Amino acid sequence: MRIYRRRKNERKGFTESDCARLLDAAHQQLGGPIVLIWDNVNIHVDALMRSLIDTRPWLTVFSLPTYAPELNPVETVWSHLKRGLGNLVPCTLDELAAVIRSRLKQM
C-alpha cells in the first residue's frame, strides 16, 4: 500500500509496477488467462506498461479508442440536451428533472 504525501511529481494513483503486481496477483489467484479492457490513461499506454504486458503471455489487453461519441449514440442525445440547459437555473432537483424529462420527450 502506498500513501500519497502530496510531494512534487508524486503520482496519486497506481504506477506501472503497481499495476503489474496487481495483475500478477490476480493471475495467481485466478489461475488462468486475464483479458483487460483499458482506456487511454497515460500509464496504460506508455512504453513501460507495454513491455510489462508483452512479458505476460497469459495477459490480453484491448484498448478502448479515444473519445468516440459515434460509438455511443446516447452521447449525441446528451450533447443536444446539455446545449439547451446552459442558462437554466432550476430552484430544485425536481424542477431540473421535470425539464429534462420534458426535453427528452420532445426529442
PDB file of N, CA and C in Angstrom:
ATOM      1  N   MET A   1       0.849  -1.175   0.000  1.00  0.00           N
ATOM      2  CA  MET A   1       0.000   0.000   0.000  1.00  0.00           C
ATOM      3  C   MET A   1       0.896   1.240   0.000  1.00  0.00           C
ATOM      4  N   ARG A   2       0.545   2.188  -0.870  1.00  0.00           N
ATOM      5  CA  ARG A   2       1.287   3.440  -0.942  1.00  0.00           C
ATOM      6  C   ARG A   2       0.435   4.561  -0.391  1.00  0.00           C
ATOM      7  N   ILE A   3       1.087   5.493   0.277  1.00  0.00           N
ATOM      8  CA  ILE A   3       0.382   6.652   0.826  1.00  0.00           C
ATOM      9  C   ILE A   3       0.796   7.873   0.028  1.00  0.00           C
ATOM     10  N   TYR A   4      -0.176   8.616  -0.430  1.00  0.00           N
ATOM     11  CA  TYR A   4       0.082   9.843  -1.181  1.00  0.00           C
ATOM     12  C   TYR A   4       0.390  10.960  -0.197  1.00  0.00           C
ATOM     13  N   ARG A   5       1.580  11.568  -0.328  1.00  0.00           N
ATOM     14  CA  ARG A   5       2.017  12.597   0.618  1.00  0.00           C
ATOM     15  C   ARG A   5       2.091  13.985  -0.002  1.00  0.00           C
ATOM     16  N   ARG A   6       1.512  14.166  -1.191  1.00  0.00           N
ATOM     17  CA  ARG A   6       1.462  15.454  -1.875  1.00  0.00           C
ATOM     18  C   ARG A   6       2.847  16.005  -2.201  1.00  0.00           C
ATOM     19  N   ARG A   7       3.784  15.125  -2.460  1.00  0.00           N
ATOM     20  CA  ARG A   7       5.115  15.586  -2.837  1.00  0.00           C
ATOM     21  C   ARG A   7       5.135  15.915  -4.321  1.00  0.00           C
ATOM     22  N   LYS A   8       6.029  16.821  -4.686  1.00  0.00           N
ATOM     23  CA  LYS A   8       6.149  17.227  -6.080  1.00  0.00           C
ATOM     24  C   LYS A   8       6.491  16.004  -6.944  1.00  0.00           C
ATOM     25  N   ASN A   9       5.800  15.874  -8.073  1.00  0.00           N
ATOM     26  CA  ASN A   9       5.989  14.776  -9.041  1.00  0.00           C
ATOM     27  C   ASN A   9       5.611  13.407  -8.491  1.00  0.00           C
ATOM     28  N   GLU A  10       4.903  13.350  -7.369  1.00  0.00           N
ATOM     29  CA  GLU A  10       4.452  12.072  -6.827  1.00  0.00           C
ATOM     30  C   GLU A  10       3.092  11.738  -7.424  1.00  0.00           C
ATOM     31  N   ARG A  11       2.954  10.527  -7.926  1.00  0.00           N
ATOM     32  CA  ARG A  11       1.681  10.109  -8.501  1.00  0.00           C
ATOM     33  C   ARG A  11       0.662   9.824  -7.414  1.00  0.00           C
ATOM     34  N   LYS A  12      -0.594  10.168  -7.711  1.00  0.00           N
ATOM     35  CA  LYS A  12      -1.674   9.887  -6.762  1.00  0.00           C
ATOM     36  C   LYS A  12      -2.157   8.450  -6.912  1.00  0.00           C
ATOM     37  N   GLY A  13      -2.138   7.957  -8.138  1.00  0.00           N
ATOM     38  CA  GLY A  13      -2.701   6.639  -8.404  1.00  0.00           C
ATOM     39  C   GLY A  13      -1.641   5.566  -8.580  1.00  0.00           C
ATOM     40  N   PHE A  14      -2.076   4.474  -9.215  1.00  0.00           N
ATOM     41  CA  PHE A  14      -1.202   3.342  -9.475  1.00  0.00           C
ATOM     42  C   PHE A  14      -0.087   3.722 -10.434  1.00  0.00           C
ATOM     43  N   THR A  15       1.067   3.128 -10.222  1.00  0.00           N
ATOM     44  CA  THR A  15       2.161   3.225 -11.179  1.00  0.00           C
ATOM     45  C   THR A  15       2.141   1.957 -12.033  1.00  0.00           C
ATOM     46  N   GLU A  16       3.013   1.901 -13.026  1.00  0.00           N
ATOM     47  CA  GLU A  16       3.090   0.717 -13.872  1.00  0.00           C
ATOM     48  C   GLU A  16       3.442  -0.516 -13.050  1.00  0.00           C
ATOM     49  N   SER A  17       4.374  -0.383 -12.127  1.00  0.00           N
ATOM     50  CA  SER A  17       4.764  -1.544 -11.315  1.00  0.00           C
ATOM     51  C   SER A  17       3.640  -1.968 -10.373  1.00  0.00           C
ATOM     52  N   ASP A  18       2.845  -1.009  -9.888  1.00  0.00           N
ATOM     53  CA  ASP A  18       1.680  -1.361  -9.064  1.00  0.00           C
ATOM     54  C   ASP A  18       0.687  -2.191  -9.879  1.00  0.00           C
ATOM     55  N   CYS A  19       0.440  -1.762 -11.112  1.00  0.00           N
ATOM     56  CA  CYS A  19      -0.481  -2.499 -11.996  1.00  0.00           C
ATOM     57  C   CYS A  19       0.049  -3.898 -12.274  1.00  0.00           C
ATOM     58  N   ALA A  20       1.346  -3.996 -12.538  1.00  0.00           N
ATOM     59  CA  ALA A  20       1.953  -5.300 -12.822  1.00  0.00           C
ATOM     60  C   ALA A  20       1.817  -6.238 -11.629  1.00  0.00           C
ATOM     61  N   ARG A  21       2.072  -5.727 -10.420  1.00  0.00           N
ATOM     62  CA  ARG A  21       1.932  -6.560  -9.217  1.00  0.00           C
ATOM     63  C   ARG A  21       0.487  -7.005  -9.019  1.00  0.00           C
ATOM     64  N   LEU A  22      -0.459  -6.091  -9.262  1.00  0.00           N
ATOM     65  CA  LEU A  22      -1.874  -6.435  -9.125  1.00  0.00           C
ATOM     66  C   LEU A  22      -2.269  -7.520 -10.130  1.00  0.00           C
ATOM     67  N   LEU A  23      -1.842  -7.363 -11.373  1.00  0.00           N
ATOM     68  CA  LEU A  23      -2.169  -8.349 -12.403  1.00  0.00           C
ATOM     69  C   LEU A  23      -1.526  -9.696 -12.111  1.00  0.00           C
ATOM     70  N   ASP A  24      -0.281  -9.691 -11.645  1.00  0.00           N
ATOM     71  CA  ASP A  24       0.381 -10.950 -11.292  1.00  0.00           C
ATOM     72  C   ASP A  24      -0.352 -11.657 -10.157  1.00  0.00           C
ATOM     73  N   ALA A  25      -0.766 -10.898  -9.145  1.00  0.00           N
ATOM     74  CA  ALA A  25      -1.500 -11.486  -8.025  1.00  0.00           C
ATOM     75  C   ALA A  25      -2.849 -12.040  -8.487  1.00  0.00           C
ATOM     76  N   ALA A  26      -3.547 -11.299  -9.354  1.00  0.00           N
ATOM     77  CA  ALA A  26      -4.830 -11.775  -9.873  1.00  0.00           C
ATOM     78  C   ALA A  26      -4.640 -13.049 -10.685  1.00  0.00           C
ATOM     79  N   HIS A  27      -3.591 -13.092 -11.486  1.00  0.00           N
ATOM     80  CA  HIS A  27      -3.307 -14.276 -12.297  1.00  0.00           C
ATOM     81  C   HIS A  27      -3.042 -15.484 -11.404  1.00  0.00           C
ATOM     82  N   GLN A  28      -2.283 -15.296 -10.335  1.00  0.00           N
ATOM     83  CA  GLN A  28      -2.003 -16.401  -9.414  1.00  0.00           C
ATOM     84  C   GLN A  28      -3.276 -16.884  -8.743  1.00  0.00           C
ATOM     85  N   GLN A  29      -4.130 -15.964  -8.306  1.00  0.00           N
ATOM     86  CA  GLN A  29      -5.359 -16.362  -7.616  1.00  0.00           C
ATOM     87  C   GLN A  29      -6.369 -17.000  -8.562  1.00  0.00           C
ATOM     88  N   LEU A  30      -6.490 -16.451  -9.776  1.00  0.00           N
ATOM     89  CA  LEU A  30      -7.474 -16.969 -10.721  1.00  0.00           C
ATOM     90  C   LEU A  30      -6.985 -18.209 -11.453  1.00  0.00           C
ATOM     91  N   GLY A  31      -5.683 -18.313 -11.621  1.00  0.00           N
ATOM     92  CA  GLY A  31      -5.108 -19.497 -12.245  1.00  0.00           C
ATOM     93  C   GLY A  31      -5.389 -19.637 -13.728  1.00  0.00           C
ATOM     94  N   GLY A  32      -5.661 -18.558 -14.408  1.00  0.00           N
ATOM     95  CA  GLY A  32      -5.942 -18.629 -15.834  1.00  0.00           C
ATOM     96  C   GLY A  32      -5.615 -17.332 -16.521  1.00  0.00           C
ATOM     97  N   PRO A  33      -5.877 -17.288 -17.834  1.00  0.00           N
ATOM     98  CA  PRO A  33      -5.581 -16.059 -18.574  1.00  0.00           C
ATOM     99  C   PRO A  33      -6.486 -14.908 -18.138  1.00  0.00           C
ATOM    100  N   ILE A  34      -5.999 -13.701 -18.343  1.00  0.00           N
ATOM    101  CA  ILE A  34      -6.750 -12.493 -17.993  1.00  0.00           C
ATOM    102  C   ILE A  34      -6.901 -11.637 -19.242  1.00  0.00           C
ATOM    103  N   VAL A  35      -8.097 -11.117 -19.432  1.00  0.00           N
ATOM    104  CA  VAL A  35      -8.367 -10.187 -20.525  1.00  0.00           C
ATOM    105  C   VAL A  35      -8.741  -8.850 -19.902  1.00  0.00           C
ATOM    106  N   LEU A  36      -8.014  -7.796 -20.281  1.00  0.00           N
ATOM    107  CA  LEU A  36      -8.281  -6.447 -19.783  1.00  0.00           C
ATOM    108  C   LEU A  36      -8.810  -5.579 -20.907  1.00  0.00           C
ATOM    109  N   ILE A  37      -9.745  -4.718 -20.568  1.00  0.00           N
ATOM    110  CA  ILE A  37     -10.196  -3.681 -21.494  1.00  0.00           C
ATOM    111  C   ILE A  37      -9.875  -2.365 -20.815  1.00  0.00           C
ATOM    112  N   TRP A  38      -8.926  -1.638 -21.400  1.00  0.00           N
ATOM    113  CA  TRP A  38      -8.407  -0.436 -20.781  1.00  0.00           C
ATOM    114  C   TRP A  38      -8.735   0.809 -21.579  1.00  0.00           C
ATOM    115  N   ASP A  39      -8.847   1.912 -20.862  1.00  0.00           N
ATOM    116  CA  ASP A  39      -8.990   3.209 -21.515  1.00  0.00           C
ATOM    117  C   ASP A  39      -7.592   3.743 -21.827  1.00  0.00           C
ATOM    118  N   ASN A  40      -7.502   4.990 -22.174  1.00  0.00           N
ATOM    119  CA  ASN A  40      -6.223   5.556 -22.594  1.00  0.00           C
ATOM    120  C   ASN A  40      -5.522   6.371 -21.521  1.00  0.00           C
ATOM    121  N   VAL A  41      -5.642   5.957 -20.273  1.00  0.00           N
ATOM    122  CA  VAL A  41      -4.914   6.619 -19.195  1.00  0.00           C
ATOM    123  C   VAL A  41      -3.417   6.477 -19.479  1.00  0.00           C
ATOM    124  N   ASN A  42      -2.646   7.488 -19.134  1.00  0.00           N
ATOM    125  CA  ASN A  42      -1.232   7.504 -19.530  1.00  0.00           C
ATOM    126  C   ASN A  42      -0.456   6.268 -19.107  1.00  0.00           C
ATOM    127  N   ILE A  43      -0.700   5.702 -17.920  1.00  0.00           N
ATOM    128  CA  ILE A  43       0.072   4.517 -17.538  1.00  0.00           C
ATOM    129  C   ILE A  43      -0.358   3.286 -18.317  1.00  0.00           C
ATOM    130  N   HIS A  44      -1.534   3.286 -18.908  1.00  0.00           N
ATOM    131  CA  HIS A  44      -1.985   2.133 -19.688  1.00  0.00           C
ATOM    132  C   HIS A  44      -1.343   2.076 -21.066  1.00  0.00           C
ATOM    133  N   VAL A  45      -0.895   3.205 -21.579  1.00  0.00           N
ATOM    134  CA  VAL A  45      -0.414   3.241 -22.960  1.00  0.00           C
ATOM    135  C   VAL A  45       1.074   3.568 -23.092  1.00  0.00           C
ATOM    136  N   ASP A  46       1.778   3.752 -21.998  1.00  0.00           N
ATOM    137  CA  ASP A  46       3.190   4.111 -22.141  1.00  0.00           C
ATOM    138  C   ASP A  46       4.064   2.885 -22.420  1.00  0.00           C
ATOM    139  N   ALA A  47       5.308   3.139 -22.781  1.00  0.00           N
ATOM    140  CA  ALA A  47       6.221   2.075 -23.219  1.00  0.00           C
ATOM    141  C   ALA A  47       6.516   1.077 -22.102  1.00  0.00           C
ATOM    142  N   LEU A  48       6.656   1.545 -20.871  1.00  0.00           N
ATOM    143  CA  LEU A  48       6.939   0.640 -19.762  1.00  0.00           C
ATOM    144  C   LEU A  48       5.798  -0.351 -19.561  1.00  0.00           C
ATOM    145  N   MET A  49       4.564   0.143 -19.587  1.00  0.00           N
ATOM    146  CA  MET A  49       3.418  -0.757 -19.422  1.00  0.00           C
ATOM    147  C   MET A  49       3.320  -1.728 -20.589  1.00  0.00           C
ATOM    148  N   ARG A  50       3.577  -1.247 -21.796  1.00  0.00           N
ATOM    149  CA  ARG A  50       3.551  -2.124 -22.971  1.00  0.00           C
ATOM    150  C   ARG A  50       4.555  -3.258 -22.806  1.00  0.00           C
ATOM    151  N   SER A  51       5.759  -2.952 -22.307  1.00  0.00           N
ATOM    152  CA  SER A  51       6.769  -4.005 -22.111  1.00  0.00           C
ATOM    153  C   SER A  51       6.346  -4.979 -21.006  1.00  0.00           C
ATOM    154  N   LEU A  52       5.715  -4.465 -19.944  1.00  0.00           N
ATOM    155  CA  LEU A  52       5.223  -5.345 -18.882  1.00  0.00           C
ATOM    156  C   LEU A  52       4.133  -6.283 -19.403  1.00  0.00           C
ATOM    157  N   ILE A  53       3.272  -5.766 -20.268  1.00  0.00           N
ATOM    158  CA  ILE A  53       2.205  -6.589 -20.855  1.00  0.00           C
ATOM    159  C   ILE A  53       2.803  -7.651 -21.766  1.00  0.00           C
ATOM    160  N   ASP A  54       3.783  -7.255 -22.567  1.00  0.00           N
ATOM    161  CA  ASP A  54       4.382  -8.178 -23.539  1.00  0.00           C
ATOM    162  C   ASP A  54       5.096  -9.349 -22.875  1.00  0.00           C
ATOM    163  N   THR A  55       5.548  -9.191 -21.631  1.00  0.00           N
ATOM    164  CA  THR A  55       6.245 -10.284 -20.938  1.00  0.00           C
ATOM    165  C   THR A  55       5.289 -11.249 -20.241  1.00  0.00           C
ATOM    166  N   ARG A  56       4.002 -11.008 -20.356  1.00  0.00           N
ATOM    167  CA  ARG A  56       2.995 -11.861 -19.707  1.00  0.00           C
ATOM    168  C   ARG A  56       2.099 -12.492 -20.775  1.00  0.00           C
ATOM    169  N   PRO A  57       2.426 -13.710 -21.213  1.00  0.00           N
ATOM    170  CA  PRO A  57       1.653 -14.336 -22.292  1.00  0.00           C
ATOM    171  C   PRO A  57       0.208 -14.654 -21.900  1.00  0.00           C
ATOM    172  N   TRP A  58      -0.081 -14.703 -20.641  1.00  0.00           N
ATOM    173  CA  TRP A  58      -1.423 -15.006 -20.164  1.00  0.00           C
ATOM    174  C   TRP A  58      -2.321 -13.762 -20.127  1.00  0.00           C
ATOM    175  N   LEU A  59      -1.763 -12.615 -20.496  1.00  0.00           N
ATOM    176  CA  LEU A  59      -2.493 -11.349 -20.420  1.00  0.00           C
ATOM    177  C   LEU A  59      -2.806 -10.825 -21.817  1.00  0.00           C
ATOM    178  N   THR A  60      -4.096 -10.573 -22.063  1.00  0.00           N
ATOM    179  CA  THR A  60      -4.535  -9.969 -23.320  1.00  0.00           C
ATOM    180  C   THR A  60      -5.166  -8.625 -22.985  1.00  0.00           C
ATOM    181  N   VAL A  61      -4.726  -7.572 -23.672  1.00  0.00           N
ATOM    182  CA  VAL A  61      -5.223  -6.222 -23.397  1.00  0.00           C
ATOM    183  C   VAL A  61      -5.852  -5.642 -24.652  1.00  0.00           C
ATOM    184  N   PHE A  62      -7.074  -5.167 -24.507  1.00  0.00           N
ATOM    185  CA  PHE A  62      -7.751  -4.425 -25.559  1.00  0.00           C
ATOM    186  C   PHE A  62      -7.875  -2.985 -25.084  1.00  0.00           C
ATOM    187  N   SER A  63      -7.480  -2.053 -25.921  1.00  0.00           N
ATOM    188  CA  SER A  63      -7.577  -0.642 -25.560  1.00  0.00           C
ATOM    189  C   SER A  63      -8.800  -0.025 -26.203  1.00  0.00           C
ATOM    190  N   LEU A  64      -9.548   0.707 -25.409  1.00  0.00           N
ATOM    191  CA  LEU A  64     -10.683   1.442 -25.958  1.00  0.00           C
ATOM    192  C   LEU A  64     -10.166   2.572 -26.836  1.00  0.00           C
ATOM    193  N   PRO A  65     -10.930   2.970 -27.829  1.00  0.00           N
ATOM    194  CA  PRO A  65     -10.496   4.112 -28.636  1.00  0.00           C
ATOM    195  C   PRO A  65     -10.568   5.393 -27.806  1.00  0.00           C
ATOM    196  N   THR A  66      -9.869   6.418 -28.273  1.00  0.00           N
ATOM    197  CA  THR A  66     -10.024   7.707 -27.614  1.00  0.00           C
ATOM    198  C   THR A  66     -11.474   8.128 -27.768  1.00  0.00           C
ATOM    199  N   TYR A  67     -11.846   9.203 -27.153  1.00  0.00           N
ATOM    200  CA  TYR A  67     -13.241   9.637 -27.144  1.00  0.00           C
ATOM    201  C   TYR A  67     -13.866   9.488 -28.526  1.00  0.00           C
ATOM    202  N   ALA A  68     -14.874   8.628 -28.616  1.00  0.00           N
ATOM    203  CA  ALA A  68     -15.515   8.338 -29.893  1.00  0.00           C
ATOM    204  C   ALA A  68     -17.030   8.319 -29.702  1.00  0.00           C
ATOM    205  N   PRO A  69     -17.668   9.488 -29.698  1.00  0.00           N
ATOM    206  CA  PRO A  69     -19.110   9.532 -29.445  1.00  0.00           C
ATOM    207  C   PRO A  69     -19.924   8.784 -30.493  1.00  0.00           C
ATOM    208  N   GLU A  70     -19.367   8.598 -31.699  1.00  0.00           N
ATOM    209  CA  GLU A  70     -20.120   7.882 -32.732  1.00  0.00           C
ATOM    210  C   GLU A  70     -20.321   6.406 -32.372  1.00  0.00           C
ATOM    211  N   LEU A  71     -19.526   5.891 -31.420  1.00  0.00           N
ATOM    212  CA  LEU A  71     -19.693   4.514 -30.978  1.00  0.00           C
ATOM    213  C   LEU A  71     -20.779   4.394 -29.913  1.00  0.00           C
ATOM    214  N   ASN A  72     -21.249   5.513 -29.412  1.00  0.00           N
ATOM    215  CA  ASN A  72     -22.276   5.510 -28.375  1.00  0.00           C
ATOM    216  C   ASN A  72     -23.344   6.541 -28.741  1.00  0.00           C
ATOM    217  N   PRO A  73     -24.452   6.109 -29.352  1.00  0.00           N
ATOM    218  CA  PRO A  73     -25.475   7.049 -29.817  1.00  0.00           C
ATOM    219  C   PRO A  73     -26.070   7.923 -28.720  1.00  0.00           C
ATOM    220  N   VAL A  74     -26.022   7.474 -27.484  1.00  0.00           N
ATOM    221  CA  VAL A  74     -26.568   8.258 -26.380  1.00  0.00           C
ATOM    222  C   VAL A  74     -25.795   9.562 -26.224  1.00  0.00           C
ATOM    223  N   GLU A  75     -24.513   9.560 -26.593  1.00  0.00           N
ATOM    224  CA  GLU A  75     -23.701  10.771 -26.493  1.00  0.00           C
ATOM    225  C   GLU A  75     -24.319  11.933 -27.268  1.00  0.00           C
ATOM    226  N   THR A  76     -24.866  11.643 -28.444  1.00  0.00           N
ATOM    227  CA  THR A  76     -25.484  12.692 -29.256  1.00  0.00           C
ATOM    228  C   THR A  76     -26.699  13.276 -28.556  1.00  0.00           C
ATOM    229  N   VAL A  77     -27.503  12.411 -27.953  1.00  0.00           N
ATOM    230  CA  VAL A  77     -28.698  12.868 -27.235  1.00  0.00           C
ATOM    231  C   VAL A  77     -28.291  13.765 -26.073  1.00  0.00           C
ATOM    232  N   TRP A  78     -27.330  13.310 -25.256  1.00  0.00           N
ATOM    233  CA  TRP A  78     -26.915  14.092 -24.101  1.00  0.00           C
ATOM    234  C   TRP A  78     -26.260  15.399 -24.514  1.00  0.00           C
ATOM    235  N   SER A  79     -25.488  15.372 -25.589  1.00  0.00           N
ATOM    236  CA  SER A  79     -24.852  16.589 -26.076  1.00  0.00           C
ATOM    237  C   SER A  79     -25.906  17.626 -26.459  1.00  0.00           C
ATOM    238  N   HIS A  80     -26.922  17.190 -27.181  1.00  0.00           N
ATOM    239  CA  HIS A  80     -28.005  18.086 -27.597  1.00  0.00           C
ATOM    240  C   HIS A  80     -28.770  18.612 -26.373  1.00  0.00           C
ATOM    241  N   LEU A  81     -29.046  17.728 -25.437  1.00  0.00           N
ATOM    242  CA  LEU A  81     -29.795  18.119 -24.233  1.00  0.00           C
ATOM    243  C   LEU A  81     -28.995  19.123 -23.403  1.00  0.00           C
ATOM    244  N   LYS A  82     -27.702  18.876 -23.199  1.00  0.00           N
ATOM    245  CA  LYS A  82     -26.874  19.776 -22.382  1.00  0.00           C
ATOM    246  C   LYS A  82     -26.751  21.162 -23.002  1.00  0.00           C
ATOM    247  N   ARG A  83     -26.706  21.215 -24.336  1.00  0.00           N
ATOM    248  CA  ARG A  83     -26.621  22.518 -25.001  1.00  0.00           C
ATOM    249  C   ARG A  83     -27.834  23.379 -24.668  1.00  0.00           C
ATOM    250  N   GLY A  84     -28.997  22.762 -24.535  1.00  0.00           N
ATOM    251  CA  GLY A  84     -30.211  23.506 -24.242  1.00  0.00           C
ATOM    252  C   GLY A  84     -30.386  23.856 -22.774  1.00  0.00           C
ATOM    253  N   LEU A  85     -29.555  23.312 -21.911  1.00  0.00           N
ATOM    254  CA  LEU A  85     -29.688  23.572 -20.467  1.00  0.00           C
ATOM    255  C   LEU A  85     -28.685  24.613 -19.971  1.00  0.00           C
ATOM    256  N   GLY A  86     -27.924  25.213 -20.868  1.00  0.00           N
ATOM    257  CA  GLY A  86     -26.834  26.110 -20.495  1.00  0.00           C
ATOM    258  C   GLY A  86     -27.214  27.249 -19.577  1.00  0.00           C
ATOM    259  N   ASN A  87     -28.343  27.894 -19.802  1.00  0.00           N
ATOM    260  CA  ASN A  87     -28.720  29.061 -18.994  1.00  0.00           C
ATOM    261  C   ASN A  87     -29.875  28.777 -18.038  1.00  0.00           C
ATOM    262  N   LEU A  88     -30.200  27.522 -17.877  1.00  0.00           N
ATOM    263  CA  LEU A  88     -31.297  27.137 -16.984  1.00  0.00           C
ATOM    264  C   LEU A  88     -30.818  27.195 -15.532  1.00  0.00           C
ATOM    265  N   VAL A  89     -31.635  27.792 -14.663  1.00  0.00           N
ATOM    266  CA  VAL A  89     -31.321  27.845 -13.236  1.00  0.00           C
ATOM    267  C   VAL A  89     -32.523  27.315 -12.466  1.00  0.00           C
ATOM    268  N   PRO A  90     -32.615  25.994 -12.323  1.00  0.00           N
ATOM    269  CA  PRO A  90     -33.746  25.430 -11.590  1.00  0.00           C
ATOM    270  C   PRO A  90     -33.597  25.689 -10.090  1.00  0.00           C
ATOM    271  N   CYS A  91     -34.723  25.775  -9.425  1.00  0.00           N
ATOM    272  CA  CYS A  91     -34.704  26.013  -7.974  1.00  0.00           C
ATOM    273  C   CYS A  91     -34.510  24.722  -7.188  1.00  0.00           C
ATOM    274  N   THR A  92     -34.984  23.607  -7.773  1.00  0.00           N
ATOM    275  CA  THR A  92     -34.885  22.320  -7.080  1.00  0.00           C
ATOM    276  C   THR A  92     -34.450  21.240  -8.055  1.00  0.00           C
ATOM    277  N   LEU A  93     -34.032  20.110  -7.500  1.00  0.00           N
ATOM    278  CA  LEU A  93     -33.693  18.968  -8.347  1.00  0.00           C
ATOM    279  C   LEU A  93     -34.919  18.427  -9.064  1.00  0.00           C
ATOM    280  N   ASP A  94     -36.067  18.489  -8.398  1.00  0.00           N
ATOM    281  CA  ASP A  94     -37.309  18.028  -9.040  1.00  0.00           C
ATOM    282  C   ASP A  94     -37.627  18.873 -10.269  1.00  0.00           C
ATOM    283  N   GLU A  95     -37.418  20.175 -10.167  1.00  0.00           N
ATOM    284  CA  GLU A  95     -37.663  21.064 -11.301  1.00  0.00           C
ATOM    285  C   GLU A  95     -36.709  20.726 -12.455  1.00  0.00           C
ATOM    286  N   LEU A  96     -35.439  20.496 -12.128  1.00  0.00           N
ATOM    287  CA  LEU A  96     -34.465  20.123 -13.161  1.00  0.00           C
ATOM    288  C   LEU A  96     -34.860  18.800 -13.816  1.00  0.00           C
ATOM    289  N   ALA A  97     -35.257  17.832 -13.016  1.00  0.00           N
ATOM    290  CA  ALA A  97     -35.666  16.533 -13.559  1.00  0.00           C
ATOM    291  C   ALA A  97     -36.875  16.676 -14.480  1.00  0.00           C
ATOM    292  N   ALA A  98     -37.811  17.524 -14.106  1.00  0.00           N
ATOM    293  CA  ALA A  98     -39.006  17.732 -14.943  1.00  0.00           C
ATOM    294  C   ALA A  98     -38.636  18.356 -16.283  1.00  0.00           C
ATOM    295  N   VAL A  99     -37.726  19.333 -16.259  1.00  0.00           N
ATOM    296  CA  VAL A  99     -37.292  19.967 -17.508  1.00  0.00           C
ATOM    297  C   VAL A  99     -36.583  18.949 -18.394  1.00  0.00           C
ATOM    298  N   ILE A 100     -35.721  18.151 -17.814  1.00  0.00           N
ATOM    299  CA  ILE A 100     -35.000  17.144 -18.590  1.00  0.00           C
ATOM    300  C   ILE A 100     -35.955  16.128 -19.188  1.00  0.00           C
ATOM    301  N   ARG A 101     -36.906  15.636 -18.404  1.00  0.00           N
ATOM    302  CA  ARG A 101     -37.900  14.693 -18.931  1.00  0.00           C
ATOM    303  C   ARG A 101     -38.666  15.300 -20.099  1.00  0.00           C
ATOM    304  N   SER A 102     -39.087  16.539 -19.931  1.00  0.00           N
ATOM    305  CA  SER A 102     -39.842  17.219 -20.972  1.00  0.00           C
ATOM    306  C   SER A 102     -39.032  17.339 -22.255  1.00  0.00           C
ATOM    307  N   ARG A 103     -37.779  17.732 -22.129  1.00  0.00           N
ATOM    308  CA  ARG A 103     -36.945  17.912 -23.330  1.00  0.00           C
ATOM    309  C   ARG A 103     -36.584  16.587 -23.982  1.00  0.00           C
ATOM    310  N   LEU A 104     -36.407  15.555 -23.177  1.00  0.00           N
ATOM    311  CA  LEU A 104     -36.164  14.231 -23.769  1.00  0.00           C
ATOM    312  C   LEU A 104     -37.380  13.747 -24.547  1.00  0.00           C
ATOM    313  N   LYS A 105     -38.573  14.009 -24.016  1.00  0.00           N
ATOM    314  CA  LYS A 105     -39.795  13.621 -24.741  1.00  0.00           C
ATOM    315  C   LYS A 105     -39.914  14.389 -26.044  1.00  0.00           C
ATOM    316  N   GLN A 106     -39.519  15.654 -26.055  1.00  0.00           N
ATOM    317  CA  GLN A 106     -39.563  16.457 -27.279  1.00  0.00           C
ATOM    318  C   GLN A 106     -38.632  15.902 -28.342  1.00  0.00           C
ATOM    319  N   MET A 107     -37.504  15.373 -27.924  1.00  0.00           N
ATOM    320  CA  MET A 107     -36.541  14.811 -28.882  1.00  0.00           C
ATOM    321  C   MET A 107     -37.126  13.568 -29.506  1.00  0.00           C
TER     322      MET A 107
END
